[in-house]
Amino acid sequence: MSIRVMLVDDQVLLRTGFRMVLAAQPDMEVVAEAGDGLEALEALRAGEVDVVLMDVRMPKLDGVEATRRICERDGAPRVLILTTFDLDEYAFSALKAGASGFMLKDVPPGELLAAIRAVHSGDAVVAPSTTRRLLNRFAPMLPGTGGGIGGRSGAASRPELDRLTEREREVMLLVAQGLSNGEIAGRLVLSEATVKTHVGRILTKLELRDRVQVVVMAYETGLVRAGGSPR
């Protein structure tokens, strides 16, 4: 079954280029296009989509707010943000809104295709270390940091963190510092399969979609400070 992709960008030529790349893949099809966030929301009501490639700077409704509204839906498609500038504050906001990652618009086609497949399979396509750089740069400056995902505030109001075992909290801190499963396994002297199991349980207990959201929550709840160090 093909991965159903929607392209959302106000630049027609850019959408055309992405569509040509995706159309050449046997496991992908572009099922919808939109020139802004409002059109994207309307398109989602009309058909099924697995992955949304979302621009951030668009008229009428920007990609950040569109991402937030999409991710609030049951069975929402995965959102992959496309941005022009590395470490864009819009990308930061989109990650907080529920995006599974971000990529630069000039990404090589092979990397874009791999990212779409990764997102569709449930993985986050932005390395936690890249997300951490975003958070280090923008978290201290933007309102709501420490306010929690979804508008809740601080670690004290996040009782779900208490659901984590001591080992799971330890794994969460290492994920938030940008370590891969293999690196965490080496640090904690565990098998990589065991680490993967712990990460899966963390996602389930905290009701998060992927590792990127784990990193965001770790910063917002104060488990990790800007700079990537545990508090």
Foldseek 3Di string as FASTA:
>chain_A
DAAEEEEEALDPVLVVVLQVLQVVDPRYHHPYYYDALVRVVVVVVVDDHAEYEAEADGPPHGRLVSLLVQVVDVPGHAYEYEYADQLDVSQLSNLLSAHLYYDYSPDPSVLVVVCSVQSSVQERSDQLCSLLVSCLVPLVPDPCQQLARPRRHAQVRQCLVVVADPVLLVLLLVLLLRDDLVRVCVVVVHDSVVSVVSLVVVCVSSVGRYSSVSNSRCRNRQCADNVSHGD
